Amino acid sequence: MTATSARTRASDSDLVSGSSVSTTSVRRQGRPSGFVQWQVLTARTVWTMVRHGELVVAVIAPLIFTVGFYLPLKFVMQLQGIDYAQFLMPIIVLQAMAFTAISASQRASSESLSGLNTRLQTMPVVGAVPLVSRISSGVVRSVVSLTAALGFGYVIGFRFSAGLGQAILFCAFALAISTMLSVGADAIGTLSKSPESTSQMLTLPQLILGMASCGFVPESGFPEWIRPWVRNQPISQFSFSMRDMAEGGVSFHVLFPSLIWIFGLLAVFIPLAMWASSRRS
C-alpha cells in the first residue's frame, strides 16, 4: 500500500502539468471546458496506473481471490451438492470491486496530501472535474479487474447460463457497485489525507461484510441468531442478485433490495465526495 501511495504522489506533477495544458487551452477559448479537463486528468491518471503497474495488480488480485476462496471450500461444498464455482463467482467479483475502491481512496488521499487538489482549485477547472476524473480512472481499473475475474472464473468452471442479456446486466451491476464504493472511498481518502490509514480503515469493513455474507456459504451455514443480519446486509443482497443473473435470470423481487442499497449509499456518498473534493485544505 505504501509503495502505491508513493508512486501516486510521484505522479502528481504529471497530473498538474496535464491540467495546466488543459486550462491553457481553456483560457484561449474564453471559458472553461470541463470535458477537455476531464479527458486530460483521466488520461493522465490512467497512464500513471499503466506505468506503475496498477493495472497488473488489478489482474492479479482476482486471481488471488479465486484461488484463496475456491480451493479451501470446493470439496466441502460439493458434498452438499453445490456447484461452488457458480456459487462463489459473485463474491470474487465483489471483492475485486472493493479492492478497486480501496485503490481509489489511496489515490484521493495522496492527491489531497500532495496539495494537488488545492492547486486545481486555484485554476479555472470546473469544480467536479477532479472528482469525476478519479472515479472514471477507477472505472477503467474496475473493467480490467472484472474481466480478469470472469476469466479466472471460467477456468474454475463458472458459466453464464442465463443468456447474453443477463451476462451484460451482471457486468453492469458489478461496475455500478464498484462506482458506488469508489465514490464513498474517494470522500474518505480526501478527508483523511493518509493513504496508509485510509486503506486500513476500508479493508476491515470489507473483510467483515465479505466473510459474514452469503457470498461464501449459504445462509444455512451461519448460526440461527445471526442469519437475519447476514441475509439482509448489502454484500449478501448483491450476491443473490448477481447469482441469479448468471444462472437463471434475476427477478425484480430479488434485485430490488440491491438497488435500494446502491442508490441509498450513493445518496450519501455523492454529496460527501463533492464536499470533500471542493473543500479548502
C-alpha atoms as a PDB file:
ATOM      1  CA  MET A   1       0.000   0.000   0.000  1.00  0.00           C
ATOM      2  CA  THR A   2       2.776   2.406   0.875  1.00  0.00           C
ATOM      3  CA  ALA A   3       4.536   1.830  -2.441  1.00  0.00           C
ATOM      4  CA  THR A   4       1.333   2.582  -4.322  1.00  0.00           C
ATOM      5  CA  SER A   5       0.870   5.808  -2.397  1.00  0.00           C
ATOM      6  CA  ALA A   6       4.437   6.888  -3.126  1.00  0.00           C
ATOM      7  CA  ARG A   7       4.001   6.201  -6.817  1.00  0.00           C
ATOM      8  CA  THR A   8       0.757   8.182  -6.843  1.00  0.00           C
ATOM      9  CA  ARG A   9       2.409  11.144  -5.148  1.00  0.00           C
ATOM     10  CA  ALA A  10       5.257  10.974  -7.649  1.00  0.00           C
ATOM     11  CA  SER A  11       2.768  11.325 -10.477  1.00  0.00           C
ATOM     12  CA  ASP A  12       1.125  14.445  -9.043  1.00  0.00           C
ATOM     13  CA  SER A  13       3.392  16.725 -11.025  1.00  0.00           C
ATOM     14  CA  ASP A  14       2.312  14.966 -14.218  1.00  0.00           C
ATOM     15  CA  LEU A  15      -1.338  15.473 -13.322  1.00  0.00           C
ATOM     16  CA  VAL A  16      -0.788  19.145 -12.546  1.00  0.00           C
ATOM     17  CA  SER A  17       1.094  19.715 -15.798  1.00  0.00           C
ATOM     18  CA  GLY A  18      -1.697  17.944 -17.667  1.00  0.00           C
ATOM     19  CA  SER A  19      -4.339  20.136 -16.077  1.00  0.00           C
ATOM     20  CA  SER A  20      -2.211  23.203 -16.848  1.00  0.00           C
ATOM     21  CA  VAL A  21      -2.210  22.277 -20.545  1.00  0.00           C
ATOM     22  CA  SER A  22      -5.969  21.848 -20.376  1.00  0.00           C
ATOM     23  CA  THR A  23      -6.596  25.173 -18.639  1.00  0.00           C
ATOM     24  CA  THR A  24      -4.272  26.973 -21.082  1.00  0.00           C
ATOM     25  CA  SER A  25      -6.419  25.817 -23.987  1.00  0.00           C
ATOM     26  CA  VAL A  26      -9.495  26.771 -21.974  1.00  0.00           C
ATOM     27  CA  ARG A  27      -8.276  30.360 -21.493  1.00  0.00           C
ATOM     28  CA  ARG A  28      -7.745  30.664 -25.263  1.00  0.00           C
ATOM     29  CA  GLN A  29     -11.371  29.667 -25.773  1.00  0.00           C
ATOM     30  CA  GLY A  30     -12.511  32.155 -23.150  1.00  0.00           C
ATOM     31  CA  ARG A  31     -14.426  29.680 -20.976  1.00  0.00           C
ATOM     32  CA  PRO A  32     -13.666  26.514 -19.007  1.00  0.00           C
ATOM     33  CA  SER A  33     -14.103  23.265 -20.932  1.00  0.00           C
ATOM     34  CA  GLY A  34     -14.982  20.677 -18.353  1.00  0.00           C
ATOM     35  CA  PHE A  35     -14.983  17.870 -20.894  1.00  0.00           C
ATOM     36  CA  VAL A  36     -11.428  18.606 -22.045  1.00  0.00           C
ATOM     37  CA  GLN A  37     -10.243  18.930 -18.449  1.00  0.00           C
ATOM     38  CA  TRP A  38     -11.888  15.605 -17.587  1.00  0.00           C
ATOM     39  CA  GLN A  39     -10.204  13.954 -20.582  1.00  0.00           C
ATOM     40  CA  VAL A  40      -6.764  15.254 -19.634  1.00  0.00           C
ATOM     41  CA  LEU A  41      -6.957  14.387 -15.933  1.00  0.00           C
ATOM     42  CA  THR A  42      -8.449  10.958 -16.564  1.00  0.00           C
ATOM     43  CA  ALA A  43      -5.923  10.113 -19.272  1.00  0.00           C
ATOM     44  CA  ARG A  44      -3.025  11.220 -17.058  1.00  0.00           C
ATOM     45  CA  THR A  45      -4.263   9.117 -14.148  1.00  0.00           C
ATOM     46  CA  VAL A  46      -4.827   6.041 -16.307  1.00  0.00           C
ATOM     47  CA  TRP A  47      -1.403   6.426 -17.893  1.00  0.00           C
ATOM     48  CA  THR A  48       0.160   6.690 -14.434  1.00  0.00           C
ATOM     49  CA  MET A  49      -1.651   3.496 -13.451  1.00  0.00           C
ATOM     50  CA  VAL A  50      -0.245   1.752 -16.524  1.00  0.00           C
ATOM     51  CA  ARG A  51       3.311   2.956 -15.923  1.00  0.00           C
ATOM     52  CA  HIS A  52       3.338   1.936 -12.277  1.00  0.00           C
ATOM     53  CA  GLY A  53       1.762  -1.466 -12.774  1.00  0.00           C
ATOM     54  CA  GLU A  54      -1.528  -0.778 -11.017  1.00  0.00           C
ATOM     55  CA  LEU A  55      -3.475  -2.452 -13.808  1.00  0.00           C
ATOM     56  CA  VAL A  56      -1.290  -5.530 -13.401  1.00  0.00           C
ATOM     57  CA  VAL A  57      -2.304  -5.598  -9.743  1.00  0.00           C
ATOM     58  CA  ALA A  58      -5.926  -5.263 -10.888  1.00  0.00           C
ATOM     59  CA  VAL A  59      -5.460  -8.550 -12.769  1.00  0.00           C
ATOM     60  CA  ILE A  60      -3.525 -10.351 -10.038  1.00  0.00           C
ATOM     61  CA  ALA A  61      -5.981  -9.502  -7.225  1.00  0.00           C
ATOM     62  CA  PRO A  62      -8.910 -11.516  -8.685  1.00  0.00           C
ATOM     63  CA  LEU A  63      -6.545 -14.449  -9.215  1.00  0.00           C
ATOM     64  CA  ILE A  64      -5.615 -14.387  -5.524  1.00  0.00           C
ATOM     65  CA  PHE A  65      -9.281 -14.128  -4.541  1.00  0.00           C
ATOM     66  CA  THR A  66     -10.232 -17.013  -6.851  1.00  0.00           C
ATOM     67  CA  VAL A  67      -7.531 -19.363  -5.601  1.00  0.00           C
ATOM     68  CA  GLY A  68      -7.853 -18.319  -1.957  1.00  0.00           C
ATOM     69  CA  PHE A  69     -11.632 -18.638  -1.828  1.00  0.00           C
ATOM     70  CA  TYR A  70     -12.295 -21.560  -4.182  1.00  0.00           C
ATOM     71  CA  LEU A  71      -9.745 -24.186  -3.229  1.00  0.00           C
ATOM     72  CA  PRO A  72     -10.332 -24.353   0.573  1.00  0.00           C
ATOM     73  CA  LEU A  73     -14.115 -24.881   0.337  1.00  0.00           C
ATOM     74  CA  LYS A  74     -14.557 -26.566  -3.043  1.00  0.00           C
ATOM     75  CA  PHE A  75     -14.840 -30.160  -1.857  1.00  0.00           C
ATOM     76  CA  VAL A  76     -16.884 -29.319   1.235  1.00  0.00           C
ATOM     77  CA  MET A  77     -19.481 -27.544  -0.907  1.00  0.00           C
ATOM     78  CA  GLN A  78     -19.517 -30.327  -3.483  1.00  0.00           C
ATOM     79  CA  LEU A  79     -20.507 -32.757  -0.717  1.00  0.00           C
ATOM     80  CA  GLN A  80     -23.554 -30.545  -0.127  1.00  0.00           C
ATOM     81  CA  GLY A  81     -24.447 -30.630  -3.820  1.00  0.00           C
ATOM     82  CA  ILE A  82     -23.376 -27.035  -4.503  1.00  0.00           C
ATOM     83  CA  ASP A  83     -21.578 -26.048  -7.722  1.00  0.00           C
ATOM     84  CA  TYR A  84     -19.112 -23.869  -5.835  1.00  0.00           C
ATOM     85  CA  ALA A  85     -17.591 -22.120  -8.857  1.00  0.00           C
ATOM     86  CA  GLN A  86     -21.061 -20.888  -9.805  1.00  0.00           C
ATOM     87  CA  PHE A  87     -21.932 -20.034  -6.208  1.00  0.00           C
ATOM     88  CA  LEU A  88     -18.667 -18.224  -5.450  1.00  0.00           C
ATOM     89  CA  MET A  89     -18.278 -16.062  -8.558  1.00  0.00           C
ATOM     90  CA  PRO A  90     -20.294 -13.056  -7.313  1.00  0.00           C
ATOM     91  CA  ILE A  91     -18.205 -12.654  -4.149  1.00  0.00           C
ATOM     92  CA  ILE A  92     -14.962 -12.938  -6.148  1.00  0.00           C
ATOM     93  CA  VAL A  93     -16.162 -10.102  -8.362  1.00  0.00           C
ATOM     94  CA  LEU A  94     -17.392  -8.060  -5.398  1.00  0.00           C
ATOM     95  CA  GLN A  95     -14.063  -8.436  -3.602  1.00  0.00           C
ATOM     96  CA  ALA A  96     -12.250  -7.291  -6.748  1.00  0.00           C
ATOM     97  CA  MET A  97     -14.550  -4.247  -6.982  1.00  0.00           C
ATOM     98  CA  ALA A  98     -13.948  -3.439  -3.312  1.00  0.00           C
ATOM     99  CA  PHE A  99     -10.197  -3.650  -3.907  1.00  0.00           C
ATOM    100  CA  THR A 100     -10.604  -1.057  -6.676  1.00  0.00           C
ATOM    101  CA  ALA A 101     -12.425   1.224  -4.219  1.00  0.00           C
ATOM    102  CA  ILE A 102      -9.546   0.947  -1.738  1.00  0.00           C
ATOM    103  CA  SER A 103      -7.169   1.970  -4.520  1.00  0.00           C
ATOM    104  CA  ALA A 104      -9.438   4.942  -5.279  1.00  0.00           C
ATOM    105  CA  SER A 105      -9.277   6.045  -1.653  1.00  0.00           C
ATOM    106  CA  GLN A 106      -5.471   5.909  -1.700  1.00  0.00           C
ATOM    107  CA  ARG A 107      -5.337   7.968  -4.874  1.00  0.00           C
ATOM    108  CA  ALA A 108      -7.675  10.614  -3.463  1.00  0.00           C
ATOM    109  CA  SER A 109      -5.731  10.727  -0.198  1.00  0.00           C
ATOM    110  CA  SER A 110      -2.401  11.115  -1.995  1.00  0.00           C
ATOM    111  CA  GLU A 111      -3.689  13.949  -4.184  1.00  0.00           C
ATOM    112  CA  SER A 112      -5.072  15.745  -1.147  1.00  0.00           C
ATOM    113  CA  LEU A 113      -1.866  15.226   0.837  1.00  0.00           C
ATOM    114  CA  SER A 114       0.352  16.459  -2.001  1.00  0.00           C
ATOM    115  CA  GLY A 115      -1.654  19.660  -2.432  1.00  0.00           C
ATOM    116  CA  LEU A 116      -2.860  18.814  -5.931  1.00  0.00           C
ATOM    117  CA  ASN A 117      -6.495  19.432  -5.008  1.00  0.00           C
ATOM    118  CA  THR A 118      -5.638  22.882  -3.660  1.00  0.00           C
ATOM    119  CA  ARG A 119      -3.628  23.666  -6.782  1.00  0.00           C
ATOM    120  CA  LEU A 120      -6.523  22.683  -9.045  1.00  0.00           C
ATOM    121  CA  GLN A 121      -8.898  24.856  -7.014  1.00  0.00           C
ATOM    122  CA  THR A 122      -6.789  27.913  -7.889  1.00  0.00           C
ATOM    123  CA  MET A 123      -7.106  27.154 -11.611  1.00  0.00           C
ATOM    124  CA  PRO A 124     -10.143  27.617 -13.891  1.00  0.00           C
ATOM    125  CA  VAL A 125     -11.001  23.936 -13.543  1.00  0.00           C
ATOM    126  CA  VAL A 126     -14.665  23.002 -13.341  1.00  0.00           C
ATOM    127  CA  GLY A 127     -15.321  22.077  -9.711  1.00  0.00           C
ATOM    128  CA  ALA A 128     -16.480  18.466 -10.157  1.00  0.00           C
ATOM    129  CA  VAL A 129     -13.874  17.517 -12.777  1.00  0.00           C
ATOM    130  CA  PRO A 130     -11.097  16.239 -10.419  1.00  0.00           C
ATOM    131  CA  LEU A 131     -13.580  14.003  -8.584  1.00  0.00           C
ATOM    132  CA  VAL A 132     -15.190  12.697 -11.778  1.00  0.00           C
ATOM    133  CA  SER A 133     -11.793  12.026 -13.367  1.00  0.00           C
ATOM    134  CA  ARG A 134     -10.701   9.977 -10.333  1.00  0.00           C
ATOM    135  CA  ILE A 135     -13.914   7.955 -10.461  1.00  0.00           C
ATOM    136  CA  SER A 136     -13.525   7.483 -14.230  1.00  0.00           C
ATOM    137  CA  SER A 137      -9.998   6.134 -13.864  1.00  0.00           C
ATOM    138  CA  GLY A 138     -11.343   3.819 -11.171  1.00  0.00           C
ATOM    139  CA  VAL A 139     -13.932   2.516 -13.641  1.00  0.00           C
ATOM    140  CA  VAL A 140     -11.108   1.671 -16.049  1.00  0.00           C
ATOM    141  CA  ARG A 141      -9.398  -0.327 -13.328  1.00  0.00           C
ATOM    142  CA  SER A 142     -12.705  -1.990 -12.434  1.00  0.00           C
ATOM    143  CA  VAL A 143     -13.235  -3.078 -16.044  1.00  0.00           C
ATOM    144  CA  VAL A 144      -9.766  -4.652 -16.106  1.00  0.00           C
ATOM    145  CA  SER A 145     -10.332  -6.356 -12.751  1.00  0.00           C
ATOM    146  CA  LEU A 146     -13.820  -7.574 -13.718  1.00  0.00           C
ATOM    147  CA  THR A 147     -12.532  -9.018 -16.996  1.00  0.00           C
ATOM    148  CA  ALA A 148      -9.760 -10.840 -15.151  1.00  0.00           C
ATOM    149  CA  ALA A 149     -12.180 -12.156 -12.503  1.00  0.00           C
ATOM    150  CA  LEU A 150     -14.538 -13.548 -15.134  1.00  0.00           C
ATOM    151  CA  GLY A 151     -11.618 -15.152 -16.965  1.00  0.00           C
ATOM    152  CA  PHE A 152     -10.397 -16.890 -13.819  1.00  0.00           C
ATOM    153  CA  GLY A 153     -13.980 -17.850 -13.018  1.00  0.00           C
ATOM    154  CA  TYR A 154     -14.319 -19.597 -16.353  1.00  0.00           C
ATOM    155  CA  VAL A 155     -11.149 -21.536 -15.601  1.00  0.00           C
ATOM    156  CA  ILE A 156     -12.664 -22.981 -12.399  1.00  0.00           C
ATOM    157  CA  GLY A 157     -15.984 -23.745 -14.109  1.00  0.00           C
ATOM    158  CA  PHE A 158     -18.176 -20.639 -13.836  1.00  0.00           C
ATOM    159  CA  ARG A 159     -20.582 -20.082 -16.744  1.00  0.00           C
ATOM    160  CA  PHE A 160     -23.269 -17.567 -17.698  1.00  0.00           C
ATOM    161  CA  SER A 161     -26.262 -19.804 -18.282  1.00  0.00           C
ATOM    162  CA  ALA A 162     -28.983 -17.119 -18.378  1.00  0.00           C
ATOM    163  CA  GLY A 163     -28.079 -15.622 -21.746  1.00  0.00           C
ATOM    164  CA  LEU A 164     -26.175 -12.633 -23.077  1.00  0.00           C
ATOM    165  CA  GLY A 165     -28.563 -10.025 -21.689  1.00  0.00           C
ATOM    166  CA  GLN A 166     -28.188 -11.259 -18.130  1.00  0.00           C
ATOM    167  CA  ALA A 167     -24.408 -11.515 -18.566  1.00  0.00           C
ATOM    168  CA  ILE A 168     -24.289  -7.858 -19.638  1.00  0.00           C
ATOM    169  CA  LEU A 169     -26.518  -6.953 -16.680  1.00  0.00           C
ATOM    170  CA  PHE A 170     -24.154  -8.874 -14.370  1.00  0.00           C
ATOM    171  CA  CYS A 171     -21.164  -6.843 -15.579  1.00  0.00           C
ATOM    172  CA  ALA A 172     -23.026  -3.508 -15.488  1.00  0.00           C
ATOM    173  CA  PHE A 173     -24.266  -4.276 -11.991  1.00  0.00           C
ATOM    174  CA  ALA A 174     -20.740  -5.090 -10.795  1.00  0.00           C
ATOM    175  CA  LEU A 175     -19.409  -1.816 -12.244  1.00  0.00           C
ATOM    176  CA  ALA A 176     -22.256   0.126 -10.631  1.00  0.00           C
ATOM    177  CA  ILE A 177     -21.321  -1.340  -7.252  1.00  0.00           C
ATOM    178  CA  SER A 178     -17.659  -0.534  -7.862  1.00  0.00           C
ATOM    179  CA  THR A 179     -18.503   3.066  -8.787  1.00  0.00           C
ATOM    180  CA  MET A 180     -20.684   3.467  -5.696  1.00  0.00           C
ATOM    181  CA  LEU A 181     -17.923   2.130  -3.451  1.00  0.00           C
ATOM    182  CA  SER A 182     -15.294   4.281  -5.184  1.00  0.00           C
ATOM    183  CA  VAL A 183     -17.304   7.466  -4.623  1.00  0.00           C
ATOM    184  CA  GLY A 184     -17.515   6.746  -0.899  1.00  0.00           C
ATOM    185  CA  ALA A 185     -13.867   5.697  -0.710  1.00  0.00           C
ATOM    186  CA  ASP A 186     -12.808   8.860  -2.562  1.00  0.00           C
ATOM    187  CA  ALA A 187     -14.564  11.003   0.047  1.00  0.00           C
ATOM    188  CA  ILE A 188     -12.907   9.140   2.912  1.00  0.00           C
ATOM    189  CA  GLY A 189      -9.483   9.311   1.251  1.00  0.00           C
ATOM    190  CA  THR A 190      -9.758  13.032   0.521  1.00  0.00           C
ATOM    191  CA  LEU A 191     -10.724  13.825   4.099  1.00  0.00           C
ATOM    192  CA  SER A 192      -8.195  11.538   5.783  1.00  0.00           C
ATOM    193  CA  LYS A 193      -5.073  12.639   3.841  1.00  0.00           C
ATOM    194  CA  SER A 194      -3.310   9.431   4.915  1.00  0.00           C
ATOM    195  CA  PRO A 195      -3.179   6.728   2.226  1.00  0.00           C
ATOM    196  CA  GLU A 196      -1.961   4.053   4.646  1.00  0.00           C
ATOM    197  CA  SER A 197      -4.571   4.626   7.346  1.00  0.00           C
ATOM    198  CA  THR A 198      -7.300   5.031   4.734  1.00  0.00           C
ATOM    199  CA  SER A 199      -6.615   1.620   3.205  1.00  0.00           C
ATOM    200  CA  GLN A 200      -6.559   0.005   6.644  1.00  0.00           C
ATOM    201  CA  MET A 201      -9.815   1.746   7.560  1.00  0.00           C
ATOM    202  CA  LEU A 202     -11.590   0.386   4.481  1.00  0.00           C
ATOM    203  CA  THR A 203     -10.091  -3.102   4.470  1.00  0.00           C
ATOM    204  CA  LEU A 204     -11.607  -4.154   7.806  1.00  0.00           C
ATOM    205  CA  PRO A 205     -15.284  -3.469   6.915  1.00  0.00           C
ATOM    206  CA  GLN A 206     -14.730  -5.163   3.558  1.00  0.00           C
ATOM    207  CA  LEU A 207     -13.428  -8.317   5.255  1.00  0.00           C
ATOM    208  CA  ILE A 208     -16.160  -8.375   7.916  1.00  0.00           C
ATOM    209  CA  LEU A 209     -19.019  -7.861   5.452  1.00  0.00           C
ATOM    210  CA  GLY A 210     -17.496 -10.292   2.975  1.00  0.00           C
ATOM    211  CA  MET A 211     -16.906 -13.150   5.389  1.00  0.00           C
ATOM    212  CA  ALA A 212     -20.239 -12.699   7.199  1.00  0.00           C
ATOM    213  CA  SER A 213     -22.253 -12.867   3.988  1.00  0.00           C
ATOM    214  CA  CYS A 214     -23.999 -15.400   1.784  1.00  0.00           C
ATOM    215  CA  GLY A 215     -21.268 -14.937  -0.803  1.00  0.00           C
ATOM    216  CA  PHE A 216     -19.056 -17.713   0.578  1.00  0.00           C
ATOM    217  CA  VAL A 217     -21.537 -20.107   2.174  1.00  0.00           C
ATOM    218  CA  PRO A 218     -25.351 -20.412   2.146  1.00  0.00           C
ATOM    219  CA  GLU A 219     -27.365 -18.745   4.862  1.00  0.00           C
ATOM    220  CA  SER A 220     -27.890 -22.142   6.491  1.00  0.00           C
ATOM    221  CA  GLY A 221     -24.171 -22.276   7.265  1.00  0.00           C
ATOM    222  CA  PHE A 222     -24.467 -19.490   9.865  1.00  0.00           C
ATOM    223  CA  PRO A 223     -25.822 -19.691  13.435  1.00  0.00           C
ATOM    224  CA  GLU A 224     -29.544 -19.009  13.699  1.00  0.00           C
ATOM    225  CA  TRP A 225     -29.145 -15.780  15.674  1.00  0.00           C
ATOM    226  CA  ILE A 226     -27.025 -14.011  13.020  1.00  0.00           C
ATOM    227  CA  ARG A 227     -28.875 -15.159   9.896  1.00  0.00           C
ATOM    228  CA  PRO A 228     -31.211 -12.134   9.563  1.00  0.00           C
ATOM    229  CA  TRP A 229     -28.254  -9.753   9.519  1.00  0.00           C
ATOM    230  CA  VAL A 230     -26.230 -11.981   7.177  1.00  0.00           C
ATOM    231  CA  ARG A 231     -29.161 -12.325   4.778  1.00  0.00           C
ATOM    232  CA  ASN A 232     -30.036  -8.626   4.582  1.00  0.00           C
ATOM    233  CA  GLN A 233     -26.630  -6.927   4.571  1.00  0.00           C
ATOM    234  CA  PRO A 234     -25.557  -5.423   1.211  1.00  0.00           C
ATOM    235  CA  ILE A 235     -22.899  -7.971   0.188  1.00  0.00           C
ATOM    236  CA  SER A 236     -25.379 -10.828   0.554  1.00  0.00           C
ATOM    237  CA  GLN A 237     -28.047  -8.957  -1.395  1.00  0.00           C
ATOM    238  CA  PHE A 238     -25.582  -8.147  -4.169  1.00  0.00           C
ATOM    239  CA  SER A 239     -24.537 -11.810  -4.257  1.00  0.00           C
ATOM    240  CA  PHE A 240     -28.153 -13.003  -4.551  1.00  0.00           C
ATOM    241  CA  SER A 241     -28.798 -10.674  -7.488  1.00  0.00           C
ATOM    242  CA  MET A 242     -25.580 -11.497  -9.345  1.00  0.00           C
ATOM    243  CA  ARG A 243     -26.023 -15.246  -8.791  1.00  0.00           C
ATOM    244  CA  ASP A 244     -29.481 -15.089 -10.360  1.00  0.00           C
ATOM    245  CA  MET A 245     -28.159 -13.000 -13.252  1.00  0.00           C
ATOM    246  CA  ALA A 246     -25.596 -15.687 -14.006  1.00  0.00           C
ATOM    247  CA  GLU A 247     -27.780 -18.744 -13.516  1.00  0.00           C
ATOM    248  CA  GLY A 248     -31.389 -18.167 -14.497  1.00  0.00           C
ATOM    249  CA  GLY A 249     -32.252 -14.508 -14.775  1.00  0.00           C
ATOM    250  CA  VAL A 250     -32.849 -12.104 -11.907  1.00  0.00           C
ATOM    251  CA  SER A 251     -36.335 -11.069 -10.888  1.00  0.00           C
ATOM    252  CA  PHE A 252     -37.234  -7.578  -9.728  1.00  0.00           C
ATOM    253  CA  HIS A 253     -38.162  -9.025  -6.331  1.00  0.00           C
ATOM    254  CA  VAL A 254     -34.561 -10.212  -5.850  1.00  0.00           C
ATOM    255  CA  LEU A 255     -32.969  -7.160  -7.479  1.00  0.00           C
ATOM    256  CA  PHE A 256     -34.961  -4.516  -5.588  1.00  0.00           C
ATOM    257  CA  PRO A 257     -33.092  -4.715  -2.225  1.00  0.00           C
ATOM    258  CA  SER A 258     -29.750  -4.420  -4.055  1.00  0.00           C
ATOM    259  CA  LEU A 259     -30.951  -1.321  -5.896  1.00  0.00           C
ATOM    260  CA  ILE A 260     -32.105   0.201  -2.608  1.00  0.00           C
ATOM    261  CA  TRP A 261     -28.640  -0.352  -1.143  1.00  0.00           C
ATOM    262  CA  ILE A 262     -26.855   1.104  -4.198  1.00  0.00           C
ATOM    263  CA  PHE A 263     -28.999   4.227  -4.598  1.00  0.00           C
ATOM    264  CA  GLY A 264     -29.257   4.762  -0.854  1.00  0.00           C
ATOM    265  CA  LEU A 265     -25.485   4.693  -0.402  1.00  0.00           C
ATOM    266  CA  LEU A 266     -24.973   6.890  -3.481  1.00  0.00           C
ATOM    267  CA  ALA A 267     -27.357   9.450  -1.981  1.00  0.00           C
ATOM    268  CA  VAL A 268     -24.975   9.669   0.980  1.00  0.00           C
ATOM    269  CA  PHE A 269     -21.637   9.258  -0.806  1.00  0.00           C
ATOM    270  CA  ILE A 270     -22.062  11.694  -3.715  1.00  0.00           C
ATOM    271  CA  PRO A 271     -22.719  14.865  -1.636  1.00  0.00           C
ATOM    272  CA  LEU A 272     -19.983  13.831   0.805  1.00  0.00           C
ATOM    273  CA  ALA A 273     -17.465  13.241  -2.007  1.00  0.00           C
ATOM    274  CA  MET A 274     -18.327  16.544  -3.724  1.00  0.00           C
ATOM    275  CA  TRP A 275     -17.981  18.453  -0.468  1.00  0.00           C
ATOM    276  CA  ALA A 276     -14.678  16.749   0.371  1.00  0.00           C
ATOM    277  CA  SER A 277     -13.281  17.393  -3.112  1.00  0.00           C
ATOM    278  CA  SER A 278     -14.207  21.101  -3.115  1.00  0.00           C
ATOM    279  CA  ARG A 279     -13.206  21.680   0.491  1.00  0.00           C
ATOM    280  CA  ARG A 280     -10.234  24.010   1.029  1.00  0.00           C
ATOM    281  CA  SER A 281      -7.374  22.419   2.996  1.00  0.00           C
END
